[in-house]
Amino acid sequence: MGTQLALDNGELRVPIVSSYLHGYAVSFRVWFEGELDYRNWIWDFGGMKRANTTIDGMNPKMWMDYMFDHTTLVAEDDPYLPHFKQMDQDGIIQLRILPATGCEKFAEFLYNKINHFLKVETDSRVRATKVQVYEHEKNSASYGE
């Protein structure tokens, strides 16, 4: 895992690689675009709990909690993956394995998951145009069109 240092004006980003396991309380922002529904809404956020469509077999709210609430996210090619799997089996961590980690890759991952969900749930009426993931107030990454 690594992190990036950004100046307050956001113009300079210098990579800083950390060899130690560390975490963030990440948050997300999603931009939606589409046709208005019968209520003149593009997307009803309460609909995440009432959705008919699932993400990996779970309603979207449950899936977000499962993936990101008190979990350890590890890339599928992490050389210590067997150790993380053992810690998960021992009940020390809640392991989630992703293709890659980092703020930018989380944004891409969520963008693709959310758009697949929206395409099915809204019959292509709504799509996400951008997903921004925040590690903290000074560091974020976005992925989108």
Protein backbone atom coordinates (compact mmCIF):
# COMPACT_ATOMS: atom_id res chain seq x y z
CA MET A 1 0.00 0.00 0.00
CA GLY A 2 1.07 3.57 -0.44
CA THR A 3 -0.17 7.05 0.04
CA GLN A 4 0.38 10.37 -1.65
CA LEU A 5 1.22 13.75 -0.27
CA ALA A 6 -0.62 16.64 -1.89
CA LEU A 7 -0.02 20.35 -1.44
CA ASP A 8 -3.06 22.31 -0.32
CA ASN A 9 -3.48 23.74 -3.80
CA GLY A 10 -3.48 20.21 -5.23
CA GLU A 11 -0.90 21.00 -7.92
CA LEU A 12 1.91 18.76 -6.73
CA ARG A 13 1.54 15.12 -5.82
CA VAL A 14 4.61 13.31 -4.53
CA PRO A 15 4.36 9.53 -4.02
CA ILE A 16 5.34 8.28 -0.61
CA VAL A 17 5.54 4.51 -0.30
CA SER A 18 4.83 2.96 3.07
CA SER A 19 5.95 -0.57 3.78
CA TYR A 20 3.71 -0.72 6.85
CA LEU A 21 0.10 -1.77 6.87
CA HIS A 22 -2.03 1.32 7.36
CA GLY A 23 -5.60 2.30 6.86
CA TYR A 24 -8.00 5.08 6.13
CA ALA A 25 -11.59 5.93 6.95
CA VAL A 26 -12.51 6.31 3.30
CA SER A 27 -15.61 8.07 2.07
CA PHE A 28 -17.18 8.29 -1.37
CA ARG A 29 -18.96 10.81 -3.53
CA VAL A 30 -20.87 9.72 -6.63
CA TRP A 31 -22.14 11.90 -9.49
CA PHE A 32 -25.31 10.62 -11.17
CA GLU A 33 -26.75 11.46 -14.56
CA GLY A 34 -29.95 10.29 -16.19
CA GLU A 35 -33.56 10.84 -16.97
CA LEU A 36 -35.88 11.99 -14.21
CA ASP A 37 -38.23 9.39 -12.72
CA TYR A 38 -41.91 9.84 -11.86
CA ARG A 39 -40.90 11.87 -8.77
CA ASN A 40 -38.61 14.07 -10.87
CA TRP A 41 -35.54 12.52 -9.25
CA ILE A 42 -32.52 11.09 -10.97
CA TRP A 43 -31.63 8.77 -8.11
CA ASP A 44 -33.22 8.05 -4.73
CA PHE A 45 -30.43 7.29 -2.26
CA GLY A 46 -32.95 5.49 -0.06
CA GLY A 47 -33.33 3.18 -3.03
CA MET A 48 -29.99 1.63 -2.17
CA LYS A 49 -31.68 -0.17 0.73
CA ARG A 50 -34.82 -1.05 -1.28
CA ALA A 51 -33.10 -2.04 -4.52
CA ASN A 52 -34.20 -5.13 -6.40
CA THR A 53 -30.75 -5.50 -7.94
CA THR A 54 -27.84 -6.80 -5.90
CA ILE A 55 -24.11 -6.28 -5.97
CA ASP A 56 -22.29 -9.57 -5.48
CA GLY A 57 -25.50 -11.06 -4.05
CA MET A 58 -26.17 -8.28 -1.50
CA ASN A 59 -28.32 -5.17 -1.56
CA PRO A 60 -26.08 -2.17 -2.33
CA LYS A 61 -26.10 -0.76 1.21
CA MET A 62 -25.14 -4.13 2.70
CA TRP A 63 -22.46 -4.57 0.02
CA MET A 64 -20.88 -1.19 0.83
CA ASP A 65 -20.81 -2.07 4.53
CA TYR A 66 -19.42 -5.54 3.76
CA MET A 67 -16.66 -4.14 1.56
CA PHE A 68 -15.59 -1.05 3.47
CA ASP A 69 -16.75 -1.08 7.10
CA HIS A 70 -13.95 -2.26 9.42
CA THR A 71 -12.32 -4.32 6.70
CA THR A 72 -8.82 -4.96 5.43
CA LEU A 73 -8.54 -4.47 1.67
CA VAL A 74 -5.68 -6.31 0.01
CA ALA A 75 -4.67 -6.57 -3.63
CA GLU A 76 -4.99 -10.01 -5.16
CA ASP A 77 -1.27 -10.00 -6.03
CA ASP A 78 -0.09 -8.97 -2.55
CA PRO A 79 2.88 -11.16 -1.61
CA TYR A 80 1.52 -11.46 1.95
CA LEU A 81 -1.95 -12.56 0.86
CA PRO A 82 -1.60 -15.99 2.52
CA HIS A 83 -0.88 -14.25 5.84
CA PHE A 84 -3.92 -11.99 5.45
CA LYS A 85 -6.07 -15.02 4.63
CA GLN A 86 -4.86 -16.72 7.79
CA MET A 87 -5.66 -13.63 9.89
CA ASP A 88 -9.14 -13.60 8.33
CA GLN A 89 -9.63 -17.28 9.18
CA ASP A 90 -8.42 -16.59 12.74
CA GLY A 91 -10.96 -13.78 13.13
CA ILE A 92 -8.35 -11.03 13.44
CA ILE A 93 -9.38 -9.12 10.32
CA GLN A 94 -12.26 -9.01 7.84
CA LEU A 95 -10.40 -9.57 4.58
CA ARG A 96 -11.59 -8.23 1.23
CA ILE A 97 -9.46 -9.06 -1.82
CA LEU A 98 -9.53 -6.59 -4.72
CA PRO A 99 -7.74 -6.51 -8.07
CA ALA A 100 -5.67 -3.56 -6.78
CA THR A 101 -5.64 -1.14 -3.86
CA GLY A 102 -5.17 2.58 -3.42
CA CYS A 103 -7.49 5.54 -3.62
CA GLU A 104 -7.43 5.66 -7.42
CA LYS A 105 -8.15 1.96 -7.81
CA PHE A 106 -10.96 2.12 -5.23
CA ALA A 107 -12.58 4.90 -7.29
CA GLU A 108 -12.33 2.82 -10.48
CA PHE A 109 -13.60 -0.31 -8.72
CA LEU A 110 -16.63 1.52 -7.28
CA TYR A 111 -17.35 3.31 -10.56
CA ASN A 112 -17.61 -0.03 -12.36
CA LYS A 113 -19.63 -1.77 -9.61
CA ILE A 114 -22.05 1.14 -9.22
CA ASN A 115 -22.59 1.53 -12.95
CA HIS A 116 -23.31 -2.15 -13.45
CA PHE A 117 -25.81 -1.98 -10.58
CA LEU A 118 -27.46 1.19 -11.94
CA LYS A 119 -27.73 -0.18 -15.46
CA VAL A 120 -29.70 -3.18 -14.24
CA GLU A 121 -31.67 -1.45 -11.44
CA THR A 122 -32.83 1.50 -13.58
CA ASP A 123 -32.96 -0.23 -16.98
CA SER A 124 -30.14 2.10 -18.13
CA ARG A 125 -32.05 5.26 -17.08
CA VAL A 126 -29.30 6.32 -14.62
CA ARG A 127 -25.53 6.07 -14.63
CA ALA A 128 -22.68 7.32 -12.49
CA THR A 129 -20.45 9.74 -14.35
CA LYS A 130 -17.82 10.04 -11.63
CA VAL A 131 -16.82 8.43 -8.34
CA GLN A 132 -14.52 10.25 -5.94
CA VAL A 133 -12.88 8.44 -3.03
CA TYR A 134 -11.50 10.40 -0.09
CA GLU A 135 -8.80 9.07 2.20
CA HIS A 136 -9.04 12.31 4.18
CA GLU A 137 -9.84 15.96 3.50
CA LYS A 138 -6.54 16.60 1.68
CA ASN A 139 -6.32 13.43 -0.41
CA SER A 140 -8.83 12.06 -2.87
CA ALA A 141 -8.96 10.48 -6.28
CA SER A 142 -11.72 10.30 -8.83
CA TYR A 143 -12.56 8.04 -11.71
CA GLY A 144 -15.12 8.68 -14.39
CA GLU A 145 -15.87 9.93 -17.83
